[in-house]
């Protein structure tokens, strides 16, 4: 379904490609194209074009017949919901305002019996939630999130999204907490320890992030952030967080613990090279601890044995894998 009434040639190009894939039910490709388009427009700092792209796709989802239109319209709700998870939400909010303003003028003309049209109306509310989150208006965001969840039997989990949002002006409050403290480091240690004991790993991350902006060489804050991400199972974020912490103090006698936890994150993500790099680092720093980890008598040790046996077949890591097998398993 070629797009001919979009205002901007970039919108026409992106929307054409996305709609053509949606029309033949290649939804994974359509979703990937939308994500790539959004990143390109974000880098180009073009929220107006991004908002018009959403508007064009929403209106054309109603024109796509049957299943393609319905699934595309639901995909737009989920896409806008995920925009609300962005760390810096200003671009997303600006784009969502363009979309919301454009669709609001046409909501009254949308067909009442159309599933896709009903989904587009929910996408309008989803955009309003993103805008409210950017403005620290959690009350408004919560009201609309409850409405969407009630309307969709909690299919889209907007209430959970709003619950995960930081309190209004949280970063400013934390900066003030540290900058006004007689001893900022002690203040951070106490606050982060309390959060960790309560298993509030999200707050631990926020505390560590803010403290690191003020004191970027704080090893304690860097390792706390990495561990908090690991505990939240945010493995893709935990890996670079561990890289940062390790780079701060590669010779620290206790840095082996960060290497070990880095190996855990890499293991879940299936990153063989990162796992081997981590194991070799622990081997050099604290071989006694690595021996405890790699004992055959535990499921964990047995799993690593199997991993090393397999890795020994990989020319890129064969020598290191064989050395670890020989040293710790007697193989």
C-alpha atoms as a PDB file:
ATOM      1  CA  UNK A   1       0.000   0.000   0.000  1.00  0.00           C
ATOM      2  CA  UNK A   2       2.019   2.997  -1.231  1.00  0.00           C
ATOM      3  CA  UNK A   3       1.830   6.135   0.866  1.00  0.00           C
ATOM      4  CA  UNK A   4       1.036   9.227  -1.149  1.00  0.00           C
ATOM      5  CA  UNK A   5      -0.510  11.692   1.287  1.00  0.00           C
ATOM      6  CA  UNK A   6       2.258  11.922   3.913  1.00  0.00           C
ATOM      7  CA  UNK A   7       3.771  15.393   4.122  1.00  0.00           C
ATOM      8  CA  UNK A   8       7.478  14.574   4.178  1.00  0.00           C
ATOM      9  CA  UNK A   9       9.459  12.447   1.680  1.00  0.00           C
ATOM     10  CA  UNK A  10      11.309  10.700   4.523  1.00  0.00           C
ATOM     11  CA  UNK A  11       7.974   9.700   6.035  1.00  0.00           C
ATOM     12  CA  UNK A  12       6.850   8.427   2.633  1.00  0.00           C
ATOM     13  CA  UNK A  13       9.960   6.282   2.249  1.00  0.00           C
ATOM     14  CA  UNK A  14       9.890   4.746   5.716  1.00  0.00           C
ATOM     15  CA  UNK A  15       6.116   4.285   5.781  1.00  0.00           C
ATOM     16  CA  UNK A  16       6.032   2.671   2.316  1.00  0.00           C
ATOM     17  CA  UNK A  17       8.587   0.045   3.360  1.00  0.00           C
ATOM     18  CA  UNK A  18       6.890  -0.679   6.702  1.00  0.00           C
ATOM     19  CA  UNK A  19       3.398  -0.915   5.200  1.00  0.00           C
ATOM     20  CA  UNK A  20       4.508  -3.134   2.323  1.00  0.00           C
ATOM     21  CA  UNK A  21       5.914  -5.648   4.822  1.00  0.00           C
ATOM     22  CA  UNK A  22       2.846  -5.407   7.062  1.00  0.00           C
ATOM     23  CA  UNK A  23       0.525  -5.971   4.081  1.00  0.00           C
ATOM     24  CA  UNK A  24       2.151  -9.361   3.344  1.00  0.00           C
ATOM     25  CA  UNK A  25       2.222 -10.172   7.094  1.00  0.00           C
ATOM     26  CA  UNK A  26       5.986  -9.865   7.408  1.00  0.00           C
ATOM     27  CA  UNK A  27       5.488  -8.173  10.758  1.00  0.00           C
ATOM     28  CA  UNK A  28       8.975  -8.865  12.113  1.00  0.00           C
ATOM     29  CA  UNK A  29      10.509  -6.960   9.210  1.00  0.00           C
ATOM     30  CA  UNK A  30       7.985  -4.144   9.622  1.00  0.00           C
ATOM     31  CA  UNK A  31       8.815  -3.877  13.323  1.00  0.00           C
ATOM     32  CA  UNK A  32      12.539  -3.850  12.585  1.00  0.00           C
ATOM     33  CA  UNK A  33      12.123  -1.127   9.975  1.00  0.00           C
ATOM     34  CA  UNK A  34      10.132   1.028  12.377  1.00  0.00           C
ATOM     35  CA  UNK A  35      12.809   0.648  15.048  1.00  0.00           C
ATOM     36  CA  UNK A  36      15.579   1.497  12.578  1.00  0.00           C
ATOM     37  CA  UNK A  37      13.639   4.495  11.260  1.00  0.00           C
ATOM     38  CA  UNK A  38      13.116   5.779  14.788  1.00  0.00           C
ATOM     39  CA  UNK A  39      16.806   5.535  15.624  1.00  0.00           C
ATOM     40  CA  UNK A  40      17.733   7.360  12.403  1.00  0.00           C
ATOM     41  CA  UNK A  41      15.271  10.154  13.166  1.00  0.00           C
ATOM     42  CA  UNK A  42      16.436  10.334  16.772  1.00  0.00           C
ATOM     43  CA  UNK A  43      20.041  10.767  15.642  1.00  0.00           C
ATOM     44  CA  UNK A  44      18.887  13.407  13.160  1.00  0.00           C
ATOM     45  CA  UNK A  45      16.964  15.132  15.991  1.00  0.00           C
ATOM     46  CA  UNK A  46      13.768  15.105  13.933  1.00  0.00           C
ATOM     47  CA  UNK A  47      10.861  14.525  16.360  1.00  0.00           C
ATOM     48  CA  UNK A  48       8.398  16.176  13.955  1.00  0.00           C
ATOM     49  CA  UNK A  49       9.191  13.649  11.224  1.00  0.00           C
ATOM     50  CA  UNK A  50       9.075  10.785  13.743  1.00  0.00           C
ATOM     51  CA  UNK A  51       5.673  11.924  15.006  1.00  0.00           C
ATOM     52  CA  UNK A  52       4.322  12.211  11.467  1.00  0.00           C
ATOM     53  CA  UNK A  53       5.628   8.720  10.696  1.00  0.00           C
ATOM     54  CA  UNK A  54       3.585   7.340  13.625  1.00  0.00           C
ATOM     55  CA  UNK A  55       0.562   9.311  12.463  1.00  0.00           C
ATOM     56  CA  UNK A  56       0.856   8.011   8.905  1.00  0.00           C
ATOM     57  CA  UNK A  57       1.232   4.391  10.031  1.00  0.00           C
ATOM     58  CA  UNK A  58      -1.691   4.679  12.439  1.00  0.00           C
ATOM     59  CA  UNK A  59      -4.044   6.048   9.779  1.00  0.00           C
ATOM     60  CA  UNK A  60      -2.943   3.498   7.205  1.00  0.00           C
ATOM     61  CA  UNK A  61      -3.318   0.611   9.661  1.00  0.00           C
ATOM     62  CA  UNK A  62      -7.059   1.312   9.502  1.00  0.00           C
ATOM     63  CA  UNK A  63      -6.971   1.096   5.693  1.00  0.00           C
ATOM     64  CA  UNK A  64      -5.027  -2.181   5.607  1.00  0.00           C
ATOM     65  CA  UNK A  65      -7.668  -4.908   5.359  1.00  0.00           C
ATOM     66  CA  UNK A  66      -8.142  -7.590   8.009  1.00  0.00           C
ATOM     67  CA  UNK A  67      -5.288  -9.112   9.978  1.00  0.00           C
ATOM     68  CA  UNK A  68      -2.429  -6.944   8.599  1.00  0.00           C
ATOM     69  CA  UNK A  69      -4.127  -3.726   9.680  1.00  0.00           C
ATOM     70  CA  UNK A  70      -5.145  -5.114  13.053  1.00  0.00           C
ATOM     71  CA  UNK A  71      -1.673  -6.401  13.913  1.00  0.00           C
ATOM     72  CA  UNK A  72       0.045  -3.231  12.700  1.00  0.00           C
ATOM     73  CA  UNK A  73      -2.270  -1.119  14.871  1.00  0.00           C
ATOM     74  CA  UNK A  74      -1.529  -3.246  17.945  1.00  0.00           C
ATOM     75  CA  UNK A  75       2.178  -3.098  17.134  1.00  0.00           C
ATOM     76  CA  UNK A  76       1.976   0.687  17.238  1.00  0.00           C
ATOM     77  CA  UNK A  77       0.503   0.587  20.760  1.00  0.00           C
ATOM     78  CA  UNK A  78       3.357  -1.625  21.908  1.00  0.00           C
ATOM     79  CA  UNK A  79       5.944   0.537  20.124  1.00  0.00           C
ATOM     80  CA  UNK A  80       4.707   3.735  21.783  1.00  0.00           C
ATOM     81  CA  UNK A  81       4.542   1.971  25.161  1.00  0.00           C
ATOM     82  CA  UNK A  82       8.199   0.990  24.814  1.00  0.00           C
ATOM     83  CA  UNK A  83       9.081   4.616  24.039  1.00  0.00           C
ATOM     84  CA  UNK A  84       8.050   5.319  27.628  1.00  0.00           C
ATOM     85  CA  UNK A  85      10.946   3.145  28.836  1.00  0.00           C
ATOM     86  CA  UNK A  86      13.563   5.439  27.289  1.00  0.00           C
ATOM     87  CA  UNK A  87      16.071   6.885  29.734  1.00  0.00           C
ATOM     88  CA  UNK A  88      16.025  10.321  28.076  1.00  0.00           C
ATOM     89  CA  UNK A  89      12.425  10.671  26.999  1.00  0.00           C
ATOM     90  CA  UNK A  90      12.449  14.199  25.599  1.00  0.00           C
ATOM     91  CA  UNK A  91      12.698  13.199  21.932  1.00  0.00           C
ATOM     92  CA  UNK A  92      10.021  10.533  22.340  1.00  0.00           C
ATOM     93  CA  UNK A  93       7.694  12.969  24.087  1.00  0.00           C
ATOM     94  CA  UNK A  94       8.135  15.603  21.370  1.00  0.00           C
ATOM     95  CA  UNK A  95       7.394  13.047  18.648  1.00  0.00           C
ATOM     96  CA  UNK A  96       4.409  11.682  20.574  1.00  0.00           C
ATOM     97  CA  UNK A  97       2.977  15.192  20.856  1.00  0.00           C
ATOM     98  CA  UNK A  98       3.146  15.602  17.059  1.00  0.00           C
ATOM     99  CA  UNK A  99       1.385  12.264  16.675  1.00  0.00           C
ATOM    100  CA  UNK A 100      -1.205  12.949  19.395  1.00  0.00           C
ATOM    101  CA  UNK A 101      -2.071  16.395  18.020  1.00  0.00           C
ATOM    102  CA  UNK A 102      -2.477  14.955  14.535  1.00  0.00           C
ATOM    103  CA  UNK A 103      -4.596  11.965  15.469  1.00  0.00           C
ATOM    104  CA  UNK A 104      -6.776  13.886  17.931  1.00  0.00           C
ATOM    105  CA  UNK A 105      -8.207  15.933  15.067  1.00  0.00           C
ATOM    106  CA  UNK A 106      -9.275  12.722  13.316  1.00  0.00           C
ATOM    107  CA  UNK A 107     -10.411  10.499  16.188  1.00  0.00           C
ATOM    108  CA  UNK A 108     -14.063  11.459  15.776  1.00  0.00           C
ATOM    109  CA  UNK A 109     -13.986  10.350  12.122  1.00  0.00           C
ATOM    110  CA  UNK A 110     -12.479   6.891  12.779  1.00  0.00           C
ATOM    111  CA  UNK A 111     -14.849   3.958  12.094  1.00  0.00           C
ATOM    112  CA  UNK A 112     -16.506   2.795  15.317  1.00  0.00           C
ATOM    113  CA  UNK A 113     -16.601  -0.917  14.479  1.00  0.00           C
ATOM    114  CA  UNK A 114     -12.971  -1.185  13.359  1.00  0.00           C
ATOM    115  CA  UNK A 115     -10.552  -3.077  15.614  1.00  0.00           C
ATOM    116  CA  UNK A 116      -7.629  -1.154  14.099  1.00  0.00           C
ATOM    117  CA  UNK A 117      -9.379   2.164  14.730  1.00  0.00           C
ATOM    118  CA  UNK A 118      -9.959   1.217  18.373  1.00  0.00           C
ATOM    119  CA  UNK A 119      -6.273   0.335  18.662  1.00  0.00           C
ATOM    120  CA  UNK A 120      -5.267   3.670  17.165  1.00  0.00           C
ATOM    121  CA  UNK A 121      -7.345   5.411  19.849  1.00  0.00           C
ATOM    122  CA  UNK A 122      -5.387   3.490  22.493  1.00  0.00           C
ATOM    123  CA  UNK A 123      -2.161   4.520  20.755  1.00  0.00           C
ATOM    124  CA  UNK A 124      -3.269   8.130  21.172  1.00  0.00           C
ATOM    125  CA  UNK A 125      -3.623   7.523  24.926  1.00  0.00           C
ATOM    126  CA  UNK A 126      -0.253   5.730  24.970  1.00  0.00           C
ATOM    127  CA  UNK A 127       1.347   8.805  23.412  1.00  0.00           C
ATOM    128  CA  UNK A 128      -0.259  10.955  26.093  1.00  0.00           C
ATOM    129  CA  UNK A 129       1.322   8.713  28.741  1.00  0.00           C
ATOM    130  CA  UNK A 130       4.785   9.220  27.225  1.00  0.00           C
ATOM    131  CA  UNK A 131       4.219  12.985  27.249  1.00  0.00           C
ATOM    132  CA  UNK A 132       3.008  12.873  30.874  1.00  0.00           C
ATOM    133  CA  UNK A 133       6.049  10.836  31.941  1.00  0.00           C
ATOM    134  CA  UNK A 134       8.345  13.376  30.300  1.00  0.00           C
ATOM    135  CA  UNK A 135       6.579  16.135  32.245  1.00  0.00           C
ATOM    136  CA  UNK A 136       6.822  14.236  35.548  1.00  0.00           C
ATOM    137  CA  UNK A 137       3.000  14.109  35.650  1.00  0.00           C
ATOM    138  CA  UNK A 138       2.769  10.607  37.094  1.00  0.00           C
ATOM    139  CA  UNK A 139      -0.834  11.079  38.222  1.00  0.00           C
ATOM    140  CA  UNK A 140      -2.033  11.753  34.686  1.00  0.00           C
ATOM    141  CA  UNK A 141       0.113   8.929  33.301  1.00  0.00           C
ATOM    142  CA  UNK A 142      -1.295   6.530  35.903  1.00  0.00           C
ATOM    143  CA  UNK A 143      -4.911   7.442  35.119  1.00  0.00           C
ATOM    144  CA  UNK A 144      -4.477   6.805  31.413  1.00  0.00           C
ATOM    145  CA  UNK A 145      -2.430   3.647  32.037  1.00  0.00           C
ATOM    146  CA  UNK A 146      -5.244   2.201  34.152  1.00  0.00           C
ATOM    147  CA  UNK A 147      -7.761   3.038  31.429  1.00  0.00           C
ATOM    148  CA  UNK A 148      -5.712   1.307  28.713  1.00  0.00           C
ATOM    149  CA  UNK A 149      -5.153  -1.762  30.879  1.00  0.00           C
ATOM    150  CA  UNK A 150      -8.833  -1.972  31.782  1.00  0.00           C
ATOM    151  CA  UNK A 151      -9.789  -1.591  28.123  1.00  0.00           C
ATOM    152  CA  UNK A 152      -7.377  -4.298  26.981  1.00  0.00           C
ATOM    153  CA  UNK A 153      -7.493  -6.736  29.943  1.00  0.00           C
ATOM    154  CA  UNK A 154      -3.982  -5.571  30.897  1.00  0.00           C
ATOM    155  CA  UNK A 155      -2.595  -6.891  27.619  1.00  0.00           C
ATOM    156  CA  UNK A 156      -0.179  -3.978  27.199  1.00  0.00           C
ATOM    157  CA  UNK A 157       0.885  -3.560  30.850  1.00  0.00           C
ATOM    158  CA  UNK A 158       0.886   0.228  30.873  1.00  0.00           C
ATOM    159  CA  UNK A 159       0.313   0.369  34.611  1.00  0.00           C
ATOM    160  CA  UNK A 160       3.536  -1.583  35.139  1.00  0.00           C
ATOM    161  CA  UNK A 161       5.325   0.929  32.895  1.00  0.00           C
ATOM    162  CA  UNK A 162       4.143   3.881  34.983  1.00  0.00           C
ATOM    163  CA  UNK A 163       5.034   2.117  38.239  1.00  0.00           C
ATOM    164  CA  UNK A 164       8.624   1.721  37.028  1.00  0.00           C
ATOM    165  CA  UNK A 165       8.987   5.435  36.261  1.00  0.00           C
ATOM    166  CA  UNK A 166      11.250   7.329  38.671  1.00  0.00           C
ATOM    167  CA  UNK A 167       9.553   9.832  41.006  1.00  0.00           C
ATOM    168  CA  UNK A 168       9.296  13.391  39.677  1.00  0.00           C
ATOM    169  CA  UNK A 169      12.620  15.214  39.651  1.00  0.00           C
ATOM    170  CA  UNK A 170      14.268  12.139  41.201  1.00  0.00           C
ATOM    171  CA  UNK A 171      17.656  12.896  39.690  1.00  0.00           C
ATOM    172  CA  UNK A 172      17.675  16.482  40.968  1.00  0.00           C
ATOM    173  CA  UNK A 173      16.735  15.264  44.438  1.00  0.00           C
ATOM    174  CA  UNK A 174      19.530  12.694  44.462  1.00  0.00           C
ATOM    175  CA  UNK A 175      22.070  15.242  43.236  1.00  0.00           C
ATOM    176  CA  UNK A 176      21.028  17.539  46.069  1.00  0.00           C
ATOM    177  CA  UNK A 177      21.272  14.635  48.524  1.00  0.00           C
ATOM    178  CA  UNK A 178      24.917  14.046  47.627  1.00  0.00           C
ATOM    179  CA  UNK A 179      26.056  17.632  47.037  1.00  0.00           C
ATOM    180  CA  UNK A 180      24.587  18.832  50.349  1.00  0.00           C
ATOM    181  CA  UNK A 181      26.020  15.974  52.410  1.00  0.00           C
ATOM    182  CA  UNK A 182      29.122  16.654  54.574  1.00  0.00           C
ATOM    183  CA  UNK A 183      30.617  13.417  53.228  1.00  0.00           C
ATOM    184  CA  UNK A 184      29.040  12.559  49.824  1.00  0.00           C
ATOM    185  CA  UNK A 185      30.703   9.127  49.652  1.00  0.00           C
ATOM    186  CA  UNK A 186      29.420   8.051  53.067  1.00  0.00           C
ATOM    187  CA  UNK A 187      25.989   9.400  52.153  1.00  0.00           C
ATOM    188  CA  UNK A 188      26.026   7.333  48.947  1.00  0.00           C
ATOM    189  CA  UNK A 189      27.236   4.195  50.741  1.00  0.00           C
ATOM    190  CA  UNK A 190      24.443   4.415  53.311  1.00  0.00           C
ATOM    191  CA  UNK A 191      21.701   5.160  50.779  1.00  0.00           C
ATOM    192  CA  UNK A 192      22.783   2.441  48.358  1.00  0.00           C
ATOM    193  CA  UNK A 193      23.200  -0.131  51.153  1.00  0.00           C
ATOM    194  CA  UNK A 194      19.665   0.559  52.372  1.00  0.00           C
ATOM    195  CA  UNK A 195      18.277   0.222  48.844  1.00  0.00           C
ATOM    196  CA  UNK A 196      20.174  -3.014  48.272  1.00  0.00           C
ATOM    197  CA  UNK A 197      19.000  -4.544  51.569  1.00  0.00           C
ATOM    198  CA  UNK A 198      15.417  -3.787  50.524  1.00  0.00           C
ATOM    199  CA  UNK A 199      16.168  -5.400  47.132  1.00  0.00           C
ATOM    200  CA  UNK A 200      15.275  -2.110  45.486  1.00  0.00           C
ATOM    201  CA  UNK A 201      17.809  -2.612  42.734  1.00  0.00           C
ATOM    202  CA  UNK A 202      16.239   0.052  40.520  1.00  0.00           C
ATOM    203  CA  UNK A 203      16.919   2.665  43.209  1.00  0.00           C
ATOM    204  CA  UNK A 204      20.444   1.308  43.638  1.00  0.00           C
ATOM    205  CA  UNK A 205      20.990   1.947  39.934  1.00  0.00           C
ATOM    206  CA  UNK A 206      19.608   5.476  40.135  1.00  0.00           C
ATOM    207  CA  UNK A 207      21.719   6.306  43.189  1.00  0.00           C
ATOM    208  CA  UNK A 208      24.829   4.906  41.507  1.00  0.00           C
ATOM    209  CA  UNK A 209      24.148   6.673  38.198  1.00  0.00           C
ATOM    210  CA  UNK A 210      23.757  10.061  39.855  1.00  0.00           C
ATOM    211  CA  UNK A 211      26.792   9.565  42.104  1.00  0.00           C
ATOM    212  CA  UNK A 212      28.906   8.494  39.121  1.00  0.00           C
ATOM    213  CA  UNK A 213      27.972  11.669  37.253  1.00  0.00           C
ATOM    214  CA  UNK A 214      29.319  13.617  40.206  1.00  0.00           C
ATOM    215  CA  UNK A 215      32.247  11.257  40.910  1.00  0.00           C
ATOM    216  CA  UNK A 216      32.939   9.243  37.721  1.00  0.00           C
ATOM    217  CA  UNK A 217      35.933   7.362  39.204  1.00  0.00           C
ATOM    218  CA  UNK A 218      34.035   5.853  42.153  1.00  0.00           C
ATOM    219  CA  UNK A 219      34.716   2.127  41.965  1.00  0.00           C
ATOM    220  CA  UNK A 220      32.111   1.347  44.633  1.00  0.00           C
ATOM    221  CA  UNK A 221      29.329   3.118  42.752  1.00  0.00           C
ATOM    222  CA  UNK A 222      30.393   1.521  39.460  1.00  0.00           C
ATOM    223  CA  UNK A 223      30.397  -2.017  40.881  1.00  0.00           C
ATOM    224  CA  UNK A 224      27.118  -1.405  42.726  1.00  0.00           C
ATOM    225  CA  UNK A 225      25.464  -0.254  39.514  1.00  0.00           C
ATOM    226  CA  UNK A 226      26.707  -3.291  37.601  1.00  0.00           C
ATOM    227  CA  UNK A 227      25.540  -5.713  40.297  1.00  0.00           C
ATOM    228  CA  UNK A 228      22.137  -4.002  40.573  1.00  0.00           C
ATOM    229  CA  UNK A 229      21.661  -4.405  36.818  1.00  0.00           C
ATOM    230  CA  UNK A 230      22.678  -8.052  37.087  1.00  0.00           C
ATOM    231  CA  UNK A 231      20.161  -8.619  39.895  1.00  0.00           C
ATOM    232  CA  UNK A 232      17.447  -7.099  37.685  1.00  0.00           C
ATOM    233  CA  UNK A 233      18.491  -9.500  34.901  1.00  0.00           C
ATOM    234  CA  UNK A 234      19.359  -6.570  32.638  1.00  0.00           C
ATOM    235  CA  UNK A 235      22.308  -8.501  31.269  1.00  0.00           C
ATOM    236  CA  UNK A 236      22.891  -6.395  28.137  1.00  0.00           C
ATOM    237  CA  UNK A 237      23.285  -3.330  30.364  1.00  0.00           C
ATOM    238  CA  UNK A 238      25.253  -5.152  33.042  1.00  0.00           C
ATOM    239  CA  UNK A 239      28.093  -6.136  30.695  1.00  0.00           C
ATOM    240  CA  UNK A 240      29.204  -2.583  29.791  1.00  0.00           C
ATOM    241  CA  UNK A 241      28.646  -1.552  33.423  1.00  0.00           C
ATOM    242  CA  UNK A 242      31.124  -4.223  34.522  1.00  0.00           C
ATOM    243  CA  UNK A 243      33.535  -3.145  31.773  1.00  0.00           C
ATOM    244  CA  UNK A 244      33.433   0.403  33.157  1.00  0.00           C
ATOM    245  CA  UNK A 245      33.958  -0.737  36.754  1.00  0.00           C
ATOM    246  CA  UNK A 246      36.857  -3.023  35.861  1.00  0.00           C
ATOM    247  CA  UNK A 247      38.527  -0.298  33.795  1.00  0.00           C
ATOM    248  CA  UNK A 248      38.527   1.985  36.854  1.00  0.00           C
ATOM    249  CA  UNK A 249      40.699  -0.361  38.901  1.00  0.00           C
ATOM    250  CA  UNK A 250      42.033  -3.336  36.919  1.00  0.00           C
ATOM    251  CA  UNK A 251      44.675  -4.047  39.593  1.00  0.00           C
ATOM    252  CA  UNK A 252      42.313  -3.934  42.576  1.00  0.00           C
ATOM    253  CA  UNK A 253      42.756  -7.230  44.496  1.00  0.00           C
ATOM    254  CA  UNK A 254      38.991  -7.671  44.778  1.00  0.00           C
ATOM    255  CA  UNK A 255      38.164  -6.885  41.139  1.00  0.00           C
ATOM    256  CA  UNK A 256      37.999 -10.623  40.446  1.00  0.00           C
ATOM    257  CA  UNK A 257      34.475 -10.530  41.868  1.00  0.00           C
ATOM    258  CA  UNK A 258      33.384  -8.127  39.128  1.00  0.00           C
ATOM    259  CA  UNK A 259      35.017 -10.358  36.527  1.00  0.00           C
ATOM    260  CA  UNK A 260      33.118 -13.332  37.938  1.00  0.00           C
ATOM    261  CA  UNK A 261      29.787 -11.512  37.811  1.00  0.00           C
ATOM    262  CA  UNK A 262      30.625 -10.302  34.310  1.00  0.00           C
ATOM    263  CA  UNK A 263      31.056 -13.943  33.320  1.00  0.00           C
ATOM    264  CA  UNK A 264      27.556 -14.650  34.657  1.00  0.00           C
ATOM    265  CA  UNK A 265      26.013 -11.897  32.508  1.00  0.00           C
ATOM    266  CA  UNK A 266      27.971 -13.056  29.463  1.00  0.00           C
ATOM    267  CA  UNK A 267      26.892 -16.652  30.122  1.00  0.00           C
ATOM    268  CA  UNK A 268      23.208 -15.746  30.012  1.00  0.00           C
ATOM    269  CA  UNK A 269      23.735 -13.787  26.793  1.00  0.00           C
ATOM    270  CA  UNK A 270      25.735 -16.625  25.221  1.00  0.00           C
ATOM    271  CA  UNK A 271      28.791 -14.437  24.548  1.00  0.00           C
ATOM    272  CA  UNK A 272      31.585 -17.006  24.433  1.00  0.00           C
ATOM    273  CA  UNK A 273      34.425 -14.517  24.021  1.00  0.00           C
ATOM    274  CA  UNK A 274      33.278 -12.425  26.994  1.00  0.00           C
ATOM    275  CA  UNK A 275      32.940 -15.550  29.168  1.00  0.00           C
ATOM    276  CA  UNK A 276      36.456 -16.711  28.321  1.00  0.00           C
ATOM    277  CA  UNK A 277      37.904 -13.241  28.870  1.00  0.00           C
ATOM    278  CA  UNK A 278      36.274 -13.108  32.301  1.00  0.00           C
ATOM    279  CA  UNK A 279      37.390 -16.588  33.338  1.00  0.00           C
ATOM    280  CA  UNK A 280      40.963 -15.911  32.269  1.00  0.00           C
ATOM    281  CA  UNK A 281      40.992 -12.677  34.265  1.00  0.00           C
ATOM    282  CA  UNK A 282      39.795 -14.470  37.415  1.00  0.00           C
ATOM    283  CA  UNK A 283      42.385 -17.204  36.772  1.00  0.00           C
ATOM    284  CA  UNK A 284      45.174 -14.611  36.835  1.00  0.00           C
ATOM    285  CA  UNK A 285      43.857 -12.621  39.814  1.00  0.00           C
ATOM    286  CA  UNK A 286      42.351 -15.264  42.107  1.00  0.00           C
ATOM    287  CA  UNK A 287      42.810 -18.864  40.911  1.00  0.00           C
ATOM    288  CA  UNK A 288      41.631 -20.204  44.293  1.00  0.00           C
ATOM    289  CA  UNK A 289      38.225 -18.605  43.801  1.00  0.00           C
ATOM    290  CA  UNK A 290      38.009 -19.859  40.240  1.00  0.00           C
ATOM    291  CA  UNK A 291      38.763 -23.379  41.457  1.00  0.00           C
ATOM    292  CA  UNK A 292      35.814 -23.103  43.849  1.00  0.00           C
ATOM    293  CA  UNK A 293      33.598 -21.970  40.964  1.00  0.00           C
ATOM    294  CA  UNK A 294      34.732 -24.696  38.592  1.00  0.00           C
ATOM    295  CA  UNK A 295      34.487 -27.681  40.946  1.00  0.00           C
ATOM    296  CA  UNK A 296      32.929 -30.700  39.251  1.00  0.00           C
ATOM    297  CA  UNK A 297      30.719 -31.369  42.261  1.00  0.00           C
ATOM    298  CA  UNK A 298      28.288 -28.520  41.544  1.00  0.00           C
ATOM    299  CA  UNK A 299      25.832 -28.026  38.666  1.00  0.00           C
ATOM    300  CA  UNK A 300      27.592 -24.738  37.939  1.00  0.00           C
ATOM    301  CA  UNK A 301      31.000 -26.420  37.737  1.00  0.00           C
ATOM    302  CA  UNK A 302      29.630 -29.178  35.526  1.00  0.00           C
ATOM    303  CA  UNK A 303      28.080 -26.582  33.206  1.00  0.00           C
ATOM    304  CA  UNK A 304      31.384 -24.735  32.896  1.00  0.00           C
ATOM    305  CA  UNK A 305      33.152 -28.034  32.219  1.00  0.00           C
ATOM    306  CA  UNK A 306      30.793 -28.658  29.302  1.00  0.00           C
ATOM    307  CA  UNK A 307      31.241 -25.108  28.083  1.00  0.00           C
ATOM    308  CA  UNK A 308      35.047 -25.381  28.149  1.00  0.00           C
ATOM    309  CA  UNK A 309      34.961 -28.759  26.397  1.00  0.00           C
ATOM    310  CA  UNK A 310      32.913 -27.171  23.619  1.00  0.00           C
ATOM    311  CA  UNK A 311      35.031 -24.001  23.544  1.00  0.00           C
ATOM    312  CA  UNK A 312      38.206 -26.086  23.154  1.00  0.00           C
ATOM    313  CA  UNK A 313      36.939 -26.872  19.637  1.00  0.00           C
ATOM    314  CA  UNK A 314      36.886 -23.165  18.774  1.00  0.00           C
ATOM    315  CA  UNK A 315      40.256 -22.108  17.280  1.00  0.00           C
ATOM    316  CA  UNK A 316      39.853 -18.586  18.685  1.00  0.00           C
ATOM    317  CA  UNK A 317      39.711 -19.820  22.292  1.00  0.00           C
ATOM    318  CA  UNK A 318      41.156 -23.338  22.065  1.00  0.00           C
ATOM    319  CA  UNK A 319      44.409 -22.658  23.924  1.00  0.00           C
ATOM    320  CA  UNK A 320      42.792 -20.866  26.879  1.00  0.00           C
ATOM    321  CA  UNK A 321      39.991 -23.406  27.152  1.00  0.00           C
ATOM    322  CA  UNK A 322      42.416 -26.323  27.197  1.00  0.00           C
ATOM    323  CA  UNK A 323      44.558 -24.600  29.832  1.00  0.00           C
ATOM    324  CA  UNK A 324      41.518 -24.032  32.090  1.00  0.00           C
ATOM    325  CA  UNK A 325      40.362 -27.634  31.607  1.00  0.00           C
ATOM    326  CA  UNK A 326      43.806 -28.921  32.481  1.00  0.00           C
ATOM    327  CA  UNK A 327      44.245 -26.636  35.492  1.00  0.00           C
ATOM    328  CA  UNK A 328      40.815 -26.980  37.086  1.00  0.00           C
ATOM    329  CA  UNK A 329      39.398 -30.246  35.785  1.00  0.00           C
ATOM    330  CA  UNK A 330      42.548 -32.273  35.186  1.00  0.00           C
ATOM    331  CA  UNK A 331      41.425 -32.827  31.606  1.00  0.00           C
END
